[in-house]
Amino acid sequence: MKSAVFAFLCCLLVLYVQGHTGSTSNTCRCLDGFVGRINTKLIKDVPVVHYPSVFCPQTEIIITVADKKKCVNPQSALGKTILRNMNKLMNNGAVTTTSSQTSRSSASLHTTSSM
């Protein structure tokens, strides 16, 4: 009886560990805070917007500055501008989504959705 309980607990432990090994990509990416003021001319790539999902409850905006990924506060002036421009492009149908890896046009706008 004790060996059956021990085997059952070991199986549960293995399943738990397997479920959490790849969880680093399923968490919020902006845990270290947001970038302060930044010159928009230093942004090297199109911002990536991660909308709220079951893995992260807040909207995250990630920009590339000097080969480093930085988070922008969605409530800041820059964040609101980025979101407004992204929404305009999404409404025009020029979207490439990173969650489904589909492309509707040649625009290099990247977003993720919570589907």
C-alpha atoms as a PDB file:
ATOM      1  CA  MET A   1       0.000   0.000   0.000  1.00  0.00           C
ATOM      2  CA  LYS A   2       2.786   2.430   0.912  1.00  0.00           C
ATOM      3  CA  SER A   3       4.618   1.718  -2.336  1.00  0.00           C
ATOM      4  CA  ALA A   4       1.462   2.464  -4.357  1.00  0.00           C
ATOM      5  CA  VAL A   5       1.037   5.817  -2.603  1.00  0.00           C
ATOM      6  CA  PHE A   6       4.727   6.574  -3.112  1.00  0.00           C
ATOM      7  CA  ALA A   7       4.482   5.716  -6.835  1.00  0.00           C
ATOM      8  CA  PHE A   8       1.370   7.865  -7.170  1.00  0.00           C
ATOM      9  CA  LEU A   9       3.101  10.835  -5.515  1.00  0.00           C
ATOM     10  CA  CYS A  10       6.140  10.384  -7.745  1.00  0.00           C
ATOM     11  CA  CYS A  11       3.906  10.437 -10.828  1.00  0.00           C
ATOM     12  CA  LEU A  12       2.243  13.621  -9.607  1.00  0.00           C
ATOM     13  CA  LEU A  13       5.638  15.198  -9.020  1.00  0.00           C
ATOM     14  CA  VAL A  14       6.822  14.276 -12.511  1.00  0.00           C
ATOM     15  CA  LEU A  15       3.673  15.717 -14.086  1.00  0.00           C
ATOM     16  CA  TYR A  16       4.022  18.899 -12.046  1.00  0.00           C
ATOM     17  CA  VAL A  17       7.654  19.380 -13.081  1.00  0.00           C
ATOM     18  CA  GLN A  18       6.890  18.698 -16.755  1.00  0.00           C
ATOM     19  CA  GLY A  19       4.134  21.286 -16.689  1.00  0.00           C
ATOM     20  CA  HIS A  20       6.442  23.961 -15.296  1.00  0.00           C
ATOM     21  CA  THR A  21       9.633  23.449 -17.326  1.00  0.00           C
ATOM     22  CA  GLY A  22       8.534  25.654 -20.228  1.00  0.00           C
ATOM     23  CA  SER A  23       6.589  28.137 -18.163  1.00  0.00           C
ATOM     24  CA  THR A  24       9.145  30.930 -18.543  1.00  0.00           C
ATOM     25  CA  SER A  25       7.518  31.955 -21.834  1.00  0.00           C
ATOM     26  CA  ASN A  26       4.069  31.838 -20.243  1.00  0.00           C
ATOM     27  CA  THR A  27       4.636  34.588 -17.700  1.00  0.00           C
ATOM     28  CA  CYS A  28       4.661  38.350 -17.786  1.00  0.00           C
ATOM     29  CA  ARG A  29       7.717  39.680 -19.569  1.00  0.00           C
ATOM     30  CA  CYS A  30       7.816  43.111 -17.929  1.00  0.00           C
ATOM     31  CA  LEU A  31       8.501  42.094 -14.346  1.00  0.00           C
ATOM     32  CA  ASP A  32      11.543  44.369 -13.957  1.00  0.00           C
ATOM     33  CA  GLY A  33       9.661  47.627 -14.490  1.00  0.00           C
ATOM     34  CA  PHE A  34       9.363  50.032 -17.369  1.00  0.00           C
ATOM     35  CA  VAL A  35      11.785  52.216 -19.255  1.00  0.00           C
ATOM     36  CA  GLY A  36      11.644  55.920 -18.368  1.00  0.00           C
ATOM     37  CA  ARG A  37      11.803  58.654 -20.948  1.00  0.00           C
ATOM     38  CA  ILE A  38      13.284  57.547 -24.227  1.00  0.00           C
ATOM     39  CA  ASN A  39      14.076  59.204 -27.522  1.00  0.00           C
ATOM     40  CA  THR A  40      11.810  57.515 -30.063  1.00  0.00           C
ATOM     41  CA  LYS A  41      14.578  57.739 -32.661  1.00  0.00           C
ATOM     42  CA  LEU A  42      16.540  55.167 -30.625  1.00  0.00           C
ATOM     43  CA  ILE A  43      13.844  52.497 -31.081  1.00  0.00           C
ATOM     44  CA  LYS A  44      15.314  50.019 -33.553  1.00  0.00           C
ATOM     45  CA  ASP A  45      12.379  47.742 -34.340  1.00  0.00           C
ATOM     46  CA  VAL A  46       8.600  47.722 -34.392  1.00  0.00           C
ATOM     47  CA  PRO A  47       7.206  47.474 -30.848  1.00  0.00           C
ATOM     48  CA  VAL A  48       5.746  44.122 -29.829  1.00  0.00           C
ATOM     49  CA  VAL A  49       2.458  44.260 -27.937  1.00  0.00           C
ATOM     50  CA  HIS A  50       1.374  41.371 -25.724  1.00  0.00           C
ATOM     51  CA  TYR A  51      -2.274  41.747 -24.794  1.00  0.00           C
ATOM     52  CA  PRO A  52      -3.662  40.326 -21.525  1.00  0.00           C
ATOM     53  CA  SER A  53      -3.969  36.550 -21.438  1.00  0.00           C
ATOM     54  CA  VAL A  54      -4.352  33.752 -18.924  1.00  0.00           C
ATOM     55  CA  PHE A  55      -0.581  33.868 -18.406  1.00  0.00           C
ATOM     56  CA  CYS A  56      -0.244  37.611 -17.831  1.00  0.00           C
ATOM     57  CA  PRO A  57      -3.166  39.848 -16.864  1.00  0.00           C
ATOM     58  CA  GLN A  58      -1.718  43.130 -18.186  1.00  0.00           C
ATOM     59  CA  THR A  59      -0.881  44.596 -21.574  1.00  0.00           C
ATOM     60  CA  GLU A  60       2.866  44.637 -22.225  1.00  0.00           C
ATOM     61  CA  ILE A  61       4.712  46.711 -24.819  1.00  0.00           C
ATOM     62  CA  ILE A  62       8.280  45.677 -25.636  1.00  0.00           C
ATOM     63  CA  ILE A  63      10.630  47.821 -27.700  1.00  0.00           C
ATOM     64  CA  THR A  64      14.203  47.245 -28.886  1.00  0.00           C
ATOM     65  CA  VAL A  65      16.710  49.924 -27.906  1.00  0.00           C
ATOM     66  CA  ALA A  66      20.434  49.387 -28.543  1.00  0.00           C
ATOM     67  CA  ASP A  67      19.957  45.620 -29.006  1.00  0.00           C
ATOM     68  CA  LYS A  68      18.164  45.341 -25.655  1.00  0.00           C
ATOM     69  CA  LYS A  69      14.496  44.638 -25.035  1.00  0.00           C
ATOM     70  CA  LYS A  70      12.809  47.285 -22.881  1.00  0.00           C
ATOM     71  CA  CYS A  71       9.275  47.451 -21.532  1.00  0.00           C
ATOM     72  CA  VAL A  72       7.105  50.536 -22.015  1.00  0.00           C
ATOM     73  CA  ASN A  73       4.342  51.423 -19.591  1.00  0.00           C
ATOM     74  CA  PRO A  74       1.042  51.131 -21.521  1.00  0.00           C
ATOM     75  CA  GLN A  75      -0.315  54.056 -19.449  1.00  0.00           C
ATOM     76  CA  SER A  76       2.536  56.409 -20.434  1.00  0.00           C
ATOM     77  CA  ALA A  77       2.306  58.837 -23.347  1.00  0.00           C
ATOM     78  CA  LEU A  78       4.616  56.650 -25.458  1.00  0.00           C
ATOM     79  CA  GLY A  79       2.685  53.510 -24.535  1.00  0.00           C
ATOM     80  CA  LYS A  80      -0.650  55.079 -25.439  1.00  0.00           C
ATOM     81  CA  THR A  81       0.773  56.270 -28.765  1.00  0.00           C
ATOM     82  CA  ILE A  82       2.121  52.808 -29.582  1.00  0.00           C
ATOM     83  CA  LEU A  83      -1.206  51.152 -28.687  1.00  0.00           C
ATOM     84  CA  ARG A  84      -3.177  53.706 -30.707  1.00  0.00           C
ATOM     85  CA  ASN A  85      -0.944  53.135 -33.773  1.00  0.00           C
ATOM     86  CA  MET A  86      -1.156  49.356 -33.349  1.00  0.00           C
ATOM     87  CA  ASN A  87      -4.955  49.521 -33.167  1.00  0.00           C
ATOM     88  CA  LYS A  88      -5.058  51.629 -36.342  1.00  0.00           C
ATOM     89  CA  LEU A  89      -2.917  49.080 -38.168  1.00  0.00           C
ATOM     90  CA  MET A  90      -4.970  46.172 -36.812  1.00  0.00           C
ATOM     91  CA  ASN A  91      -8.184  47.810 -38.034  1.00  0.00           C
ATOM     92  CA  ASN A  92      -6.648  48.225 -41.484  1.00  0.00           C
ATOM     93  CA  GLY A  93      -5.869  44.476 -41.637  1.00  0.00           C
ATOM     94  CA  ALA A  94      -2.098  44.930 -41.787  1.00  0.00           C
ATOM     95  CA  VAL A  95      -1.203  42.588 -38.953  1.00  0.00           C
ATOM     96  CA  THR A  96       1.239  39.777 -38.374  1.00  0.00           C
ATOM     97  CA  THR A  97       0.414  37.902 -35.193  1.00  0.00           C
ATOM     98  CA  THR A  98       3.077  36.094 -33.208  1.00  0.00           C
ATOM     99  CA  SER A  99       0.596  33.735 -31.561  1.00  0.00           C
ATOM    100  CA  SER A 100      -0.764  32.163 -34.736  1.00  0.00           C
ATOM    101  CA  GLN A 101       2.187  32.925 -37.026  1.00  0.00           C
ATOM    102  CA  THR A 102      -0.081  34.127 -39.839  1.00  0.00           C
ATOM    103  CA  SER A 103       0.492  37.105 -42.053  1.00  0.00           C
ATOM    104  CA  ARG A 104      -2.183  39.202 -43.721  1.00  0.00           C
ATOM    105  CA  SER A 105       0.133  41.741 -45.333  1.00  0.00           C
ATOM    106  CA  SER A 106       3.740  42.855 -45.523  1.00  0.00           C
ATOM    107  CA  ALA A 107       3.489  45.169 -42.508  1.00  0.00           C
ATOM    108  CA  SER A 108       5.871  44.301 -39.718  1.00  0.00           C
ATOM    109  CA  LEU A 109       3.472  44.881 -36.843  1.00  0.00           C
ATOM    110  CA  HIS A 110       3.666  42.159 -34.196  1.00  0.00           C
ATOM    111  CA  THR A 111       0.998  41.429 -31.612  1.00  0.00           C
ATOM    112  CA  THR A 112      -0.077  38.521 -29.480  1.00  0.00           C
ATOM    113  CA  SER A 113      -3.601  37.713 -28.570  1.00  0.00           C
ATOM    114  CA  SER A 114      -5.244  35.805 -25.772  1.00  0.00           C
ATOM    115  CA  MET A 115      -7.037  33.120 -27.776  1.00  0.00           C
END
